[in-house]
C-alpha atoms as a PDB file:
ATOM      1  CA  MET A   1     101.215 126.696 176.066  1.00  0.00           C
ATOM      2  CA  SER A   2      99.902 126.110 179.583  1.00  0.00           C
ATOM      3  CA  LEU A   3      96.180 125.445 179.713  1.00  0.00           C
ATOM      4  CA  LEU A   4      93.582 124.834 182.393  1.00  0.00           C
ATOM      5  CA  THR A   5      90.279 123.204 181.507  1.00  0.00           C
ATOM      6  CA  ILE A   6      87.640 122.634 184.174  1.00  0.00           C
ATOM      7  CA  ARG A   7      84.868 120.095 183.532  1.00  0.00           C
ATOM      8  CA  ASP A   8      81.859 118.786 185.393  1.00  0.00           C
ATOM      9  CA  ALA A   9      82.893 115.319 186.616  1.00  0.00           C
ATOM     10  CA  ALA A  10      79.428 113.821 186.060  1.00  0.00           C
ATOM     11  CA  THR A  11      78.847 115.068 182.519  1.00  0.00           C
ATOM     12  CA  GLY A  12      82.323 115.977 181.231  1.00  0.00           C
ATOM     13  CA  ALA A  13      80.939 119.364 180.153  1.00  0.00           C
ATOM     14  CA  GLU A  14      83.560 122.097 180.009  1.00  0.00           C
ATOM     15  CA  THR A  15      82.838 124.944 182.437  1.00  0.00           C
ATOM     16  CA  TYR A  16      86.061 126.991 182.244  1.00  0.00           C
ATOM     17  CA  ARG A  17      89.152 127.266 180.051  1.00  0.00           C
ATOM     18  CA  THR A  18      92.149 129.592 180.158  1.00  0.00           C
ATOM     19  CA  ASP A  19      95.731 129.744 178.969  1.00  0.00           C
ATOM     20  CA  GLU A  20      96.683 132.765 181.122  1.00  0.00           C
ATOM     21  CA  ALA A  21      99.094 131.763 183.907  1.00  0.00           C
ATOM     22  CA  GLY A  22      97.610 134.172 186.461  1.00  0.00           C
ATOM     23  CA  LYS A  23      94.096 132.909 185.818  1.00  0.00           C
ATOM     24  CA  ILE A  24      95.277 129.279 185.988  1.00  0.00           C
ATOM     25  CA  ALA A  25      96.883 129.960 189.375  1.00  0.00           C
ATOM     26  CA  ALA A  26      93.766 131.763 190.632  1.00  0.00           C
ATOM     27  CA  ALA A  27      91.433 128.946 189.525  1.00  0.00           C
ATOM     28  CA  LEU A  28      93.593 126.242 191.138  1.00  0.00           C
ATOM     29  CA  ALA A  29      94.309 128.060 194.414  1.00  0.00           C
ATOM     30  CA  PRO A  30      90.880 127.353 196.000  1.00  0.00           C
ATOM     31  CA  ILE A  31      91.570 123.609 195.787  1.00  0.00           C
ATOM     32  CA  GLY A  32      95.046 124.061 197.280  1.00  0.00           C
ATOM     33  CA  VAL A  33      96.985 123.561 194.048  1.00  0.00           C
ATOM     34  CA  ARG A  34      99.961 125.864 193.570  1.00  0.00           C
ATOM     35  CA  PHE A  35     100.717 126.905 190.001  1.00  0.00           C
ATOM     36  CA  GLU A  36     103.417 129.325 188.891  1.00  0.00           C
ATOM     37  CA  ARG A  37     105.814 130.038 186.076  1.00  0.00           C
ATOM     38  CA  TRP A  38     109.580 129.980 186.568  1.00  0.00           C
ATOM     39  CA  PRO A  39     112.188 131.274 184.117  1.00  0.00           C
ATOM     40  CA  VAL A  40     113.540 128.412 182.020  1.00  0.00           C
ATOM     41  CA  ALA A  41     117.264 127.684 182.175  1.00  0.00           C
ATOM     42  CA  ASP A  42     119.231 127.864 178.956  1.00  0.00           C
ATOM     43  CA  LEU A  43     120.404 124.269 178.690  1.00  0.00           C
ATOM     44  CA  PRO A  44     120.826 121.975 175.678  1.00  0.00           C
ATOM     45  CA  ASP A  45     118.018 119.502 174.994  1.00  0.00           C
ATOM     46  CA  GLY A  46     118.488 116.357 177.035  1.00  0.00           C
ATOM     47  CA  ALA A  47     120.894 117.978 179.508  1.00  0.00           C
ATOM     48  CA  GLU A  48     122.139 115.710 182.284  1.00  0.00           C
ATOM     49  CA  ALA A  49     120.133 115.624 185.516  1.00  0.00           C
ATOM     50  CA  ASP A  50     122.916 117.276 187.525  1.00  0.00           C
ATOM     51  CA  ALA A  51     123.044 120.193 185.077  1.00  0.00           C
ATOM     52  CA  VAL A  52     119.265 120.633 185.273  1.00  0.00           C
ATOM     53  CA  LEU A  53     119.338 120.626 189.080  1.00  0.00           C
ATOM     54  CA  ALA A  54     122.242 123.090 189.154  1.00  0.00           C
ATOM     55  CA  ALA A  55     120.536 125.453 186.718  1.00  0.00           C
ATOM     56  CA  TYR A  56     117.465 125.749 188.959  1.00  0.00           C
ATOM     57  CA  ARG A  57     119.288 125.643 192.308  1.00  0.00           C
ATOM     58  CA  PRO A  58     118.389 129.226 193.411  1.00  0.00           C
ATOM     59  CA  GLN A  59     114.632 128.783 192.771  1.00  0.00           C
ATOM     60  CA  LEU A  60     114.733 125.222 194.034  1.00  0.00           C
ATOM     61  CA  ASP A  61     116.488 126.100 197.312  1.00  0.00           C
ATOM     62  CA  ALA A  62     113.947 128.863 197.975  1.00  0.00           C
ATOM     63  CA  PHE A  63     111.074 126.480 197.226  1.00  0.00           C
ATOM     64  CA  LEU A  64     112.519 123.719 199.423  1.00  0.00           C
ATOM     65  CA  LYS A  65     112.942 126.147 202.319  1.00  0.00           C
ATOM     66  CA  GLU A  66     109.435 127.584 201.938  1.00  0.00           C
ATOM     67  CA  SER A  67     107.685 124.233 201.494  1.00  0.00           C
ATOM     68  CA  LYS A  68     109.853 122.385 204.047  1.00  0.00           C
ATOM     69  CA  ALA A  69     110.399 119.663 201.449  1.00  0.00           C
ATOM     70  CA  GLY A  70     113.549 117.626 201.725  1.00  0.00           C
ATOM     71  CA  THR A  71     115.078 117.180 198.329  1.00  0.00           C
ATOM     72  CA  ALA A  72     114.627 117.155 194.565  1.00  0.00           C
ATOM     73  CA  ASP A  73     115.624 115.065 191.605  1.00  0.00           C
ATOM     74  CA  VAL A  74     115.095 115.015 187.852  1.00  0.00           C
ATOM     75  CA  ILE A  75     112.881 112.619 185.946  1.00  0.00           C
ATOM     76  CA  ARG A  76     112.962 112.220 182.177  1.00  0.00           C
ATOM     77  CA  LEU A  77     110.452 110.296 180.089  1.00  0.00           C
ATOM     78  CA  THR A  78     110.807 110.232 176.327  1.00  0.00           C
ATOM     79  CA  ALA A  79     109.268 108.308 173.456  1.00  0.00           C
ATOM     80  CA  ASP A  80     112.305 106.016 173.207  1.00  0.00           C
ATOM     81  CA  HIS A  81     112.204 104.941 176.877  1.00  0.00           C
ATOM     82  CA  PRO A  82     111.798 101.136 176.872  1.00  0.00           C
ATOM     83  CA  GLN A  83     109.226 101.233 179.710  1.00  0.00           C
ATOM     84  CA  LYS A  84     107.327 104.358 178.655  1.00  0.00           C
ATOM     85  CA  ASP A  85     104.001 102.545 178.257  1.00  0.00           C
ATOM     86  CA  ALA A  86     104.227 100.888 181.680  1.00  0.00           C
ATOM     87  CA  ILE A  87     105.272 104.140 183.333  1.00  0.00           C
ATOM     88  CA  ARG A  88     102.415 106.017 181.666  1.00  0.00           C
ATOM     89  CA  ALA A  89      99.875 103.360 182.653  1.00  0.00           C
ATOM     90  CA  LYS A  90     100.956 103.530 186.291  1.00  0.00           C
ATOM     91  CA  PHE A  91      99.735 107.123 186.628  1.00  0.00           C
ATOM     92  CA  LEU A  92      96.696 107.101 184.285  1.00  0.00           C
ATOM     93  CA  SER A  93      94.307 105.813 186.979  1.00  0.00           C
ATOM     94  CA  GLU A  94      92.961 108.128 189.652  1.00  0.00           C
ATOM     95  CA  HIS A  95      95.078 107.993 192.816  1.00  0.00           C
ATOM     96  CA  ILE A  96      96.347 109.994 195.771  1.00  0.00           C
ATOM     97  CA  HIS A  97      99.734 110.436 197.424  1.00  0.00           C
ATOM     98  CA  THR A  98     100.433 110.964 201.115  1.00  0.00           C
ATOM     99  CA  GLU A  99     102.519 114.058 200.399  1.00  0.00           C
ATOM    100  CA  ASP A 100     102.330 116.934 197.950  1.00  0.00           C
ATOM    101  CA  GLU A 101     103.266 116.059 194.376  1.00  0.00           C
ATOM    102  CA  VAL A 102     105.458 118.837 193.018  1.00  0.00           C
ATOM    103  CA  ARG A 103     106.758 119.084 189.465  1.00  0.00           C
ATOM    104  CA  PHE A 104     108.621 121.773 187.551  1.00  0.00           C
ATOM    105  CA  PHE A 105     108.646 121.220 183.799  1.00  0.00           C
ATOM    106  CA  HIS A 106     112.058 121.981 182.290  1.00  0.00           C
ATOM    107  CA  GLU A 107     111.241 120.304 178.951  1.00  0.00           C
ATOM    108  CA  GLY A 108     108.092 118.952 177.401  1.00  0.00           C
ATOM    109  CA  ALA A 109     104.588 118.795 178.812  1.00  0.00           C
ATOM    110  CA  GLY A 110     102.059 116.700 180.682  1.00  0.00           C
ATOM    111  CA  ASN A 111      98.608 116.896 182.238  1.00  0.00           C
ATOM    112  CA  PHE A 112      97.905 116.857 185.954  1.00  0.00           C
ATOM    113  CA  VAL A 113      94.209 116.156 186.302  1.00  0.00           C
ATOM    114  CA  MET A 114      92.605 116.703 189.705  1.00  0.00           C
ATOM    115  CA  HIS A 115      89.149 115.440 190.720  1.00  0.00           C
ATOM    116  CA  VAL A 116      87.805 117.670 193.499  1.00  0.00           C
ATOM    117  CA  ASP A 117      84.240 118.381 194.669  1.00  0.00           C
ATOM    118  CA  GLY A 118      82.556 117.129 191.507  1.00  0.00           C
ATOM    119  CA  LEU A 119      84.882 118.991 189.153  1.00  0.00           C
ATOM    120  CA  ILE A 120      87.813 117.942 186.986  1.00  0.00           C
ATOM    121  CA  TYR A 121      90.713 120.410 186.874  1.00  0.00           C
ATOM    122  CA  ASP A 122      92.903 119.497 183.891  1.00  0.00           C
ATOM    123  CA  ALA A 123      96.172 121.446 184.056  1.00  0.00           C
ATOM    124  CA  HIS A 124      98.219 121.026 180.882  1.00  0.00           C
ATOM    125  CA  CYS A 125     101.689 121.973 182.143  1.00  0.00           C
ATOM    126  CA  THR A 126     104.483 122.967 179.804  1.00  0.00           C
ATOM    127  CA  ARG A 127     108.075 124.166 179.916  1.00  0.00           C
ATOM    128  CA  GLY A 128     108.463 126.637 182.800  1.00  0.00           C
ATOM    129  CA  ASP A 129     105.399 125.524 184.800  1.00  0.00           C
ATOM    130  CA  LEU A 130     105.573 124.535 188.446  1.00  0.00           C
ATOM    131  CA  ILE A 131     102.593 122.690 189.903  1.00  0.00           C
ATOM    132  CA  SER A 132     102.108 121.397 193.435  1.00  0.00           C
ATOM    133  CA  VAL A 133      99.171 119.043 193.986  1.00  0.00           C
ATOM    134  CA  PRO A 134      98.337 118.719 197.700  1.00  0.00           C
ATOM    135  CA  ALA A 135      98.601 115.395 199.510  1.00  0.00           C
ATOM    136  CA  ASN A 136      95.446 113.260 199.389  1.00  0.00           C
ATOM    137  CA  THR A 137      94.049 115.017 196.296  1.00  0.00           C
ATOM    138  CA  ASN A 138      92.429 112.622 193.808  1.00  0.00           C
ATOM    139  CA  HIS A 139      94.332 113.009 190.551  1.00  0.00           C
ATOM    140  CA  TRP A 140      96.077 111.343 187.644  1.00  0.00           C
ATOM    141  CA  PHE A 141      98.885 112.312 185.275  1.00  0.00           C
ATOM    142  CA  ASP A 142      99.307 111.832 181.550  1.00  0.00           C
ATOM    143  CA  ALA A 143     102.475 112.605 179.605  1.00  0.00           C
ATOM    144  CA  GLY A 144     100.808 111.391 176.394  1.00  0.00           C
ATOM    145  CA  GLU A 145     101.353 108.450 174.087  1.00  0.00           C
ATOM    146  CA  ILE A 146     104.579 110.012 172.818  1.00  0.00           C
ATOM    147  CA  PRO A 147     106.016 111.476 176.030  1.00  0.00           C
ATOM    148  CA  HIS A 148     108.657 114.164 176.166  1.00  0.00           C
ATOM    149  CA  VAL A 149     109.144 115.376 179.736  1.00  0.00           C
ATOM    150  CA  THR A 150     112.091 116.474 181.812  1.00  0.00           C
ATOM    151  CA  ALA A 151     110.911 117.634 185.206  1.00  0.00           C
ATOM    152  CA  LEU A 152     112.194 118.405 188.647  1.00  0.00           C
ATOM    153  CA  ARG A 153     110.441 116.376 191.344  1.00  0.00           C
ATOM    154  CA  VAL A 154     110.360 117.800 194.851  1.00  0.00           C
ATOM    155  CA  PHE A 155     109.618 115.603 197.832  1.00  0.00           C
ATOM    156  CA  THR A 156     109.950 115.128 201.568  1.00  0.00           C
ATOM    157  CA  GLU A 157     110.092 111.325 201.507  1.00  0.00           C
ATOM    158  CA  THR A 158     109.949 109.205 198.373  1.00  0.00           C
ATOM    159  CA  THR A 159     107.520 106.838 200.109  1.00  0.00           C
ATOM    160  CA  GLY A 160     104.967 109.661 199.911  1.00  0.00           C
ATOM    161  CA  TRP A 161     104.923 109.218 196.152  1.00  0.00           C
ATOM    162  CA  THR A 162     103.506 105.731 196.249  1.00  0.00           C
ATOM    163  CA  PRO A 163     100.180 105.938 194.389  1.00  0.00           C
ATOM    164  CA  HIS A 164      97.125 104.836 196.356  1.00  0.00           C
ATOM    165  CA  TYR A 165      94.472 104.082 193.728  1.00  0.00           C
ATOM    166  CA  THR A 166      90.869 105.138 194.316  1.00  0.00           C
ATOM    167  CA  GLY A 167      89.324 102.392 192.150  1.00  0.00           C
ATOM    168  CA  SER A 168      87.392 104.981 190.130  1.00  0.00           C
ATOM    169  CA  ASP A 169      87.219 104.753 186.330  1.00  0.00           C
ATOM    170  CA  ILE A 170      86.869 108.532 185.952  1.00  0.00           C
ATOM    171  CA  ALA A 171      90.298 108.946 184.338  1.00  0.00           C
ATOM    172  CA  ALA A 172      89.187 106.677 181.488  1.00  0.00           C
ATOM    173  CA  ARG A 173      85.936 108.638 181.025  1.00  0.00           C
ATOM    174  CA  ILE A 174      87.315 112.197 181.022  1.00  0.00           C
ATOM    175  CA  PRO A 175      89.635 113.168 178.158  1.00  0.00           C
ATOM    176  CA  VAL A 176      92.693 115.308 178.890  1.00  0.00           C
ATOM    177  CA  SER A 177      93.088 118.687 177.189  1.00  0.00           C
ATOM    178  CA  VAL A 178      96.189 119.237 175.124  1.00  0.00           C
ATOM    179  CA  GLY A 179      97.054 122.755 174.015  1.00  0.00           C
END
């Protein structure tokens, strides 16, 4: 189940919570975050990356044209990945990217947590969710201690995905919301 929890960044106090996709999109829109639901392709668990890309090609091509992004690929992170802890740690600290960070969740879930204007927007994204976090937005991502994510990544240039860390410890102080 998709979920958005908004907290005060200074106190951690919850100020808003919803699991309704339309309300999630409406709450994220003022900070420039795009959130929408796409139909999920009927593929076997663990389908090959090429099959995942092909299954979403119509939606993906429309999104690429609209957003002027260049390309897409598939990333998979599961509990048996030998570098799962290192990969998770890389994105647990608050950072920015120089281009939009776009993900469509084909399998599994993860939290995109944005820190904007004194608020924390914790978007728990699940199967069928598309989220686009604007360039230069302070955020972090957590797929959990036992990750299970297969997602499409959309980008203009892969160099735009290099994380630029803010040096803040806020990600360690604010818990993520799961379901």
